[in-house]
């Protein structure tokens, strides 16, 4: 995975309204970083939760790195997310409100080569909101198709 390539949960924008976005670091072992560089990860089923005033991510799948010698590797273990204390307090306060959750949206490498996770404070969409999203996407696609035909 290069710096421009990222692992994205595309279904998240369809399922949730994003209210706020945050960038967090993640505590990883060496082979996990190497596996992420190869793009061997899946963020679709992942979610965030608080334990002892610290934010963790669960169900982030990072495939085992083939050349690693670690025998007791767990590819879906809980991993600690690294945020500032003020951001953690704000997220914990807001996520305790009814209907709000913290969704991991994107895993990528920043300019310095560090693994970062884009988090979103989100509210679940209702069925009619999803229909509106589909309709808006279809009209946008149709307009782009028509504009390409003219030129």
C-alpha atoms as a PDB file:
ATOM      1  CA  UNK A   1       0.000   0.000   0.000  1.00  0.00           C
ATOM      2  CA  UNK A   2       1.532   3.300  -1.036  1.00  0.00           C
ATOM      3  CA  UNK A   3       0.771   6.644   0.592  1.00  0.00           C
ATOM      4  CA  UNK A   4      -1.988   7.348  -1.943  1.00  0.00           C
ATOM      5  CA  UNK A   5      -3.633   3.939  -1.509  1.00  0.00           C
ATOM      6  CA  UNK A   6      -5.961   3.445   1.468  1.00  0.00           C
ATOM      7  CA  UNK A   7      -8.269   0.839   2.909  1.00  0.00           C
ATOM      8  CA  UNK A   8     -11.755   2.373   2.963  1.00  0.00           C
ATOM      9  CA  UNK A   9     -15.076   1.265   4.403  1.00  0.00           C
ATOM     10  CA  UNK A  10     -17.236   2.403   1.486  1.00  0.00           C
ATOM     11  CA  UNK A  11     -20.405   1.039   3.043  1.00  0.00           C
ATOM     12  CA  UNK A  12     -20.067   3.423   6.004  1.00  0.00           C
ATOM     13  CA  UNK A  13     -21.178   6.531   4.072  1.00  0.00           C
ATOM     14  CA  UNK A  14     -24.249   4.652   2.904  1.00  0.00           C
ATOM     15  CA  UNK A  15     -25.177   3.444   6.409  1.00  0.00           C
ATOM     16  CA  UNK A  16     -24.344   6.574   8.473  1.00  0.00           C
ATOM     17  CA  UNK A  17     -24.444  10.385   8.504  1.00  0.00           C
ATOM     18  CA  UNK A  18     -20.954  11.633   9.396  1.00  0.00           C
ATOM     19  CA  UNK A  19     -21.142  14.435  11.968  1.00  0.00           C
ATOM     20  CA  UNK A  20     -17.460  14.860  12.893  1.00  0.00           C
ATOM     21  CA  UNK A  21     -14.202  13.377  11.606  1.00  0.00           C
ATOM     22  CA  UNK A  22     -11.046  12.608  13.561  1.00  0.00           C
ATOM     23  CA  UNK A  23      -7.615  11.269  12.680  1.00  0.00           C
ATOM     24  CA  UNK A  24      -6.157   8.742  15.108  1.00  0.00           C
ATOM     25  CA  UNK A  25      -2.969   6.746  15.357  1.00  0.00           C
ATOM     26  CA  UNK A  26      -3.116   3.040  16.099  1.00  0.00           C
ATOM     27  CA  UNK A  27      -0.961   0.792  18.255  1.00  0.00           C
ATOM     28  CA  UNK A  28       0.357  -2.003  16.021  1.00  0.00           C
ATOM     29  CA  UNK A  29       3.070  -4.641  16.045  1.00  0.00           C
ATOM     30  CA  UNK A  30       5.775  -4.641  13.353  1.00  0.00           C
ATOM     31  CA  UNK A  31       4.380  -7.467  11.203  1.00  0.00           C
ATOM     32  CA  UNK A  32       0.945  -5.818  11.233  1.00  0.00           C
ATOM     33  CA  UNK A  33       2.405  -2.659   9.693  1.00  0.00           C
ATOM     34  CA  UNK A  34       4.124  -4.706   6.998  1.00  0.00           C
ATOM     35  CA  UNK A  35       0.876  -6.514   6.262  1.00  0.00           C
ATOM     36  CA  UNK A  36      -0.946  -3.149   6.014  1.00  0.00           C
ATOM     37  CA  UNK A  37       1.674  -1.896   3.554  1.00  0.00           C
ATOM     38  CA  UNK A  38       0.750  -4.841   1.344  1.00  0.00           C
ATOM     39  CA  UNK A  39      -2.934  -3.875   1.631  1.00  0.00           C
ATOM     40  CA  UNK A  40      -3.952  -7.030   3.510  1.00  0.00           C
ATOM     41  CA  UNK A  41      -6.650  -5.580   5.729  1.00  0.00           C
ATOM     42  CA  UNK A  42     -10.413  -5.202   5.942  1.00  0.00           C
ATOM     43  CA  UNK A  43     -12.188  -2.465   7.883  1.00  0.00           C
ATOM     44  CA  UNK A  44     -15.806  -3.222   6.932  1.00  0.00           C
ATOM     45  CA  UNK A  45     -16.854  -4.949  10.176  1.00  0.00           C
ATOM     46  CA  UNK A  46     -14.747  -2.798  12.511  1.00  0.00           C
ATOM     47  CA  UNK A  47     -16.160  -0.575  15.239  1.00  0.00           C
ATOM     48  CA  UNK A  48     -14.801   1.520  18.110  1.00  0.00           C
ATOM     49  CA  UNK A  49     -15.534   1.336  21.816  1.00  0.00           C
ATOM     50  CA  UNK A  50     -14.270   2.846  25.065  1.00  0.00           C
ATOM     51  CA  UNK A  51     -12.568   0.867  27.822  1.00  0.00           C
ATOM     52  CA  UNK A  52     -11.101   2.706  30.858  1.00  0.00           C
ATOM     53  CA  UNK A  53     -11.293   6.120  29.119  1.00  0.00           C
ATOM     54  CA  UNK A  54      -9.265   4.743  26.179  1.00  0.00           C
ATOM     55  CA  UNK A  55     -10.553   4.166  22.650  1.00  0.00           C
ATOM     56  CA  UNK A  56     -10.133   0.747  21.033  1.00  0.00           C
ATOM     57  CA  UNK A  57     -11.004  -0.677  17.645  1.00  0.00           C
ATOM     58  CA  UNK A  58     -12.456  -4.167  17.360  1.00  0.00           C
ATOM     59  CA  UNK A  59     -12.792  -6.453  14.320  1.00  0.00           C
ATOM     60  CA  UNK A  60     -10.198  -4.625  12.213  1.00  0.00           C
ATOM     61  CA  UNK A  61      -8.895  -7.534  10.163  1.00  0.00           C
ATOM     62  CA  UNK A  62      -5.170  -7.416   9.413  1.00  0.00           C
ATOM     63  CA  UNK A  63      -3.938 -10.549   7.679  1.00  0.00           C
ATOM     64  CA  UNK A  64      -0.945 -12.384   9.088  1.00  0.00           C
ATOM     65  CA  UNK A  65       2.363 -11.312   7.547  1.00  0.00           C
ATOM     66  CA  UNK A  66       3.824 -14.432   5.915  1.00  0.00           C
ATOM     67  CA  UNK A  67       7.475 -13.743   6.825  1.00  0.00           C
ATOM     68  CA  UNK A  68       6.785 -12.993  10.495  1.00  0.00           C
ATOM     69  CA  UNK A  69       7.922 -15.472  13.128  1.00  0.00           C
ATOM     70  CA  UNK A  70       5.186 -14.630  15.652  1.00  0.00           C
ATOM     71  CA  UNK A  71       3.230 -17.837  16.252  1.00  0.00           C
ATOM     72  CA  UNK A  72       0.346 -16.521  18.383  1.00  0.00           C
ATOM     73  CA  UNK A  73      -1.004 -13.914  15.991  1.00  0.00           C
ATOM     74  CA  UNK A  74      -4.652 -12.803  16.311  1.00  0.00           C
ATOM     75  CA  UNK A  75      -5.813 -10.981  13.190  1.00  0.00           C
ATOM     76  CA  UNK A  76      -8.951  -9.440  14.759  1.00  0.00           C
ATOM     77  CA  UNK A  77      -7.631  -8.463  18.191  1.00  0.00           C
ATOM     78  CA  UNK A  78      -8.570  -5.205  19.933  1.00  0.00           C
ATOM     79  CA  UNK A  79      -6.133  -2.426  19.051  1.00  0.00           C
ATOM     80  CA  UNK A  80      -5.720   0.816  20.957  1.00  0.00           C
ATOM     81  CA  UNK A  81      -6.354   4.072  19.104  1.00  0.00           C
ATOM     82  CA  UNK A  82      -4.185   7.063  19.905  1.00  0.00           C
ATOM     83  CA  UNK A  83      -5.912  10.432  20.269  1.00  0.00           C
ATOM     84  CA  UNK A  84      -5.417  13.538  22.392  1.00  0.00           C
ATOM     85  CA  UNK A  85      -7.093  13.558  25.800  1.00  0.00           C
ATOM     86  CA  UNK A  86      -9.446  16.396  24.850  1.00  0.00           C
ATOM     87  CA  UNK A  87     -10.560  14.545  21.737  1.00  0.00           C
ATOM     88  CA  UNK A  88     -11.076  11.328  23.713  1.00  0.00           C
ATOM     89  CA  UNK A  89     -13.232  13.093  26.308  1.00  0.00           C
ATOM     90  CA  UNK A  90     -15.277  14.812  23.609  1.00  0.00           C
ATOM     91  CA  UNK A  91     -15.774  11.542  21.688  1.00  0.00           C
ATOM     92  CA  UNK A  92     -16.731   9.614  24.823  1.00  0.00           C
ATOM     93  CA  UNK A  93     -19.257  12.275  25.818  1.00  0.00           C
ATOM     94  CA  UNK A  94     -20.817  12.442  22.350  1.00  0.00           C
ATOM     95  CA  UNK A  95     -20.822   8.694  21.696  1.00  0.00           C
ATOM     96  CA  UNK A  96     -22.789   8.123  24.889  1.00  0.00           C
ATOM     97  CA  UNK A  97     -25.668  10.134  23.373  1.00  0.00           C
ATOM     98  CA  UNK A  98     -28.444   8.046  21.907  1.00  0.00           C
ATOM     99  CA  UNK A  99     -27.980   7.117  18.267  1.00  0.00           C
ATOM    100  CA  UNK A 100     -24.346   8.239  17.909  1.00  0.00           C
ATOM    101  CA  UNK A 101     -21.434   5.870  17.318  1.00  0.00           C
ATOM    102  CA  UNK A 102     -17.788   6.000  16.287  1.00  0.00           C
ATOM    103  CA  UNK A 103     -17.087   4.434  12.898  1.00  0.00           C
ATOM    104  CA  UNK A 104     -13.612   3.738  11.492  1.00  0.00           C
ATOM    105  CA  UNK A 105     -13.796   4.960   7.918  1.00  0.00           C
ATOM    106  CA  UNK A 106     -10.311   4.785   6.394  1.00  0.00           C
ATOM    107  CA  UNK A 107      -6.880   3.269   7.193  1.00  0.00           C
ATOM    108  CA  UNK A 108      -3.927   4.904   5.453  1.00  0.00           C
ATOM    109  CA  UNK A 109      -0.278   5.923   5.763  1.00  0.00           C
ATOM    110  CA  UNK A 110       0.411   9.624   6.285  1.00  0.00           C
ATOM    111  CA  UNK A 111       3.316  11.598   4.774  1.00  0.00           C
ATOM    112  CA  UNK A 112       5.675  10.448   7.530  1.00  0.00           C
ATOM    113  CA  UNK A 113       4.824   6.786   6.933  1.00  0.00           C
ATOM    114  CA  UNK A 114       2.702   6.344  10.071  1.00  0.00           C
ATOM    115  CA  UNK A 115      -0.507   4.316  10.047  1.00  0.00           C
ATOM    116  CA  UNK A 116      -3.540   6.514  10.654  1.00  0.00           C
ATOM    117  CA  UNK A 117      -7.246   5.790  10.953  1.00  0.00           C
ATOM    118  CA  UNK A 118      -9.910   8.274   9.932  1.00  0.00           C
ATOM    119  CA  UNK A 119     -12.760   8.022  12.450  1.00  0.00           C
ATOM    120  CA  UNK A 120     -16.207   9.497  12.097  1.00  0.00           C
ATOM    121  CA  UNK A 121     -18.715  10.340  14.801  1.00  0.00           C
ATOM    122  CA  UNK A 122     -21.796   9.082  13.022  1.00  0.00           C
ATOM    123  CA  UNK A 123     -25.529   8.713  13.281  1.00  0.00           C
ATOM    124  CA  UNK A 124     -27.313   5.811  11.599  1.00  0.00           C
ATOM    125  CA  UNK A 125     -29.385   6.564   8.519  1.00  0.00           C
ATOM    126  CA  UNK A 126     -32.991   5.551   8.237  1.00  0.00           C
ATOM    127  CA  UNK A 127     -34.328   3.640   5.238  1.00  0.00           C
ATOM    128  CA  UNK A 128     -35.654   6.742   3.473  1.00  0.00           C
ATOM    129  CA  UNK A 129     -32.288   8.474   3.933  1.00  0.00           C
ATOM    130  CA  UNK A 130     -30.613   5.542   2.172  1.00  0.00           C
ATOM    131  CA  UNK A 131     -33.095   5.825  -0.692  1.00  0.00           C
ATOM    132  CA  UNK A 132     -32.251   9.509  -1.038  1.00  0.00           C
ATOM    133  CA  UNK A 133     -28.540   8.660  -1.110  1.00  0.00           C
ATOM    134  CA  UNK A 134     -29.094   6.141  -3.893  1.00  0.00           C
ATOM    135  CA  UNK A 135     -31.206   8.630  -5.867  1.00  0.00           C
ATOM    136  CA  UNK A 136     -28.584  11.381  -5.505  1.00  0.00           C
ATOM    137  CA  UNK A 137     -25.802   9.029  -6.581  1.00  0.00           C
ATOM    138  CA  UNK A 138     -27.780   7.903  -9.634  1.00  0.00           C
ATOM    139  CA  UNK A 139     -28.553  11.457 -10.770  1.00  0.00           C
ATOM    140  CA  UNK A 140     -24.906  12.460 -10.307  1.00  0.00           C
ATOM    141  CA  UNK A 141     -23.785   9.479 -12.385  1.00  0.00           C
ATOM    142  CA  UNK A 142     -26.357  10.329 -15.072  1.00  0.00           C
ATOM    143  CA  UNK A 143     -25.201  13.970 -15.231  1.00  0.00           C
ATOM    144  CA  UNK A 144     -21.569  12.913 -15.559  1.00  0.00           C
ATOM    145  CA  UNK A 145     -22.485  10.499 -18.339  1.00  0.00           C
ATOM    146  CA  UNK A 146     -24.399  13.212 -20.217  1.00  0.00           C
ATOM    147  CA  UNK A 147     -21.593  15.740 -19.827  1.00  0.00           C
ATOM    148  CA  UNK A 148     -19.079  13.237 -21.261  1.00  0.00           C
ATOM    149  CA  UNK A 149     -21.299  12.657 -24.320  1.00  0.00           C
ATOM    150  CA  UNK A 150     -21.348  16.352 -25.220  1.00  0.00           C
ATOM    151  CA  UNK A 151     -17.578  16.620 -25.609  1.00  0.00           C
END
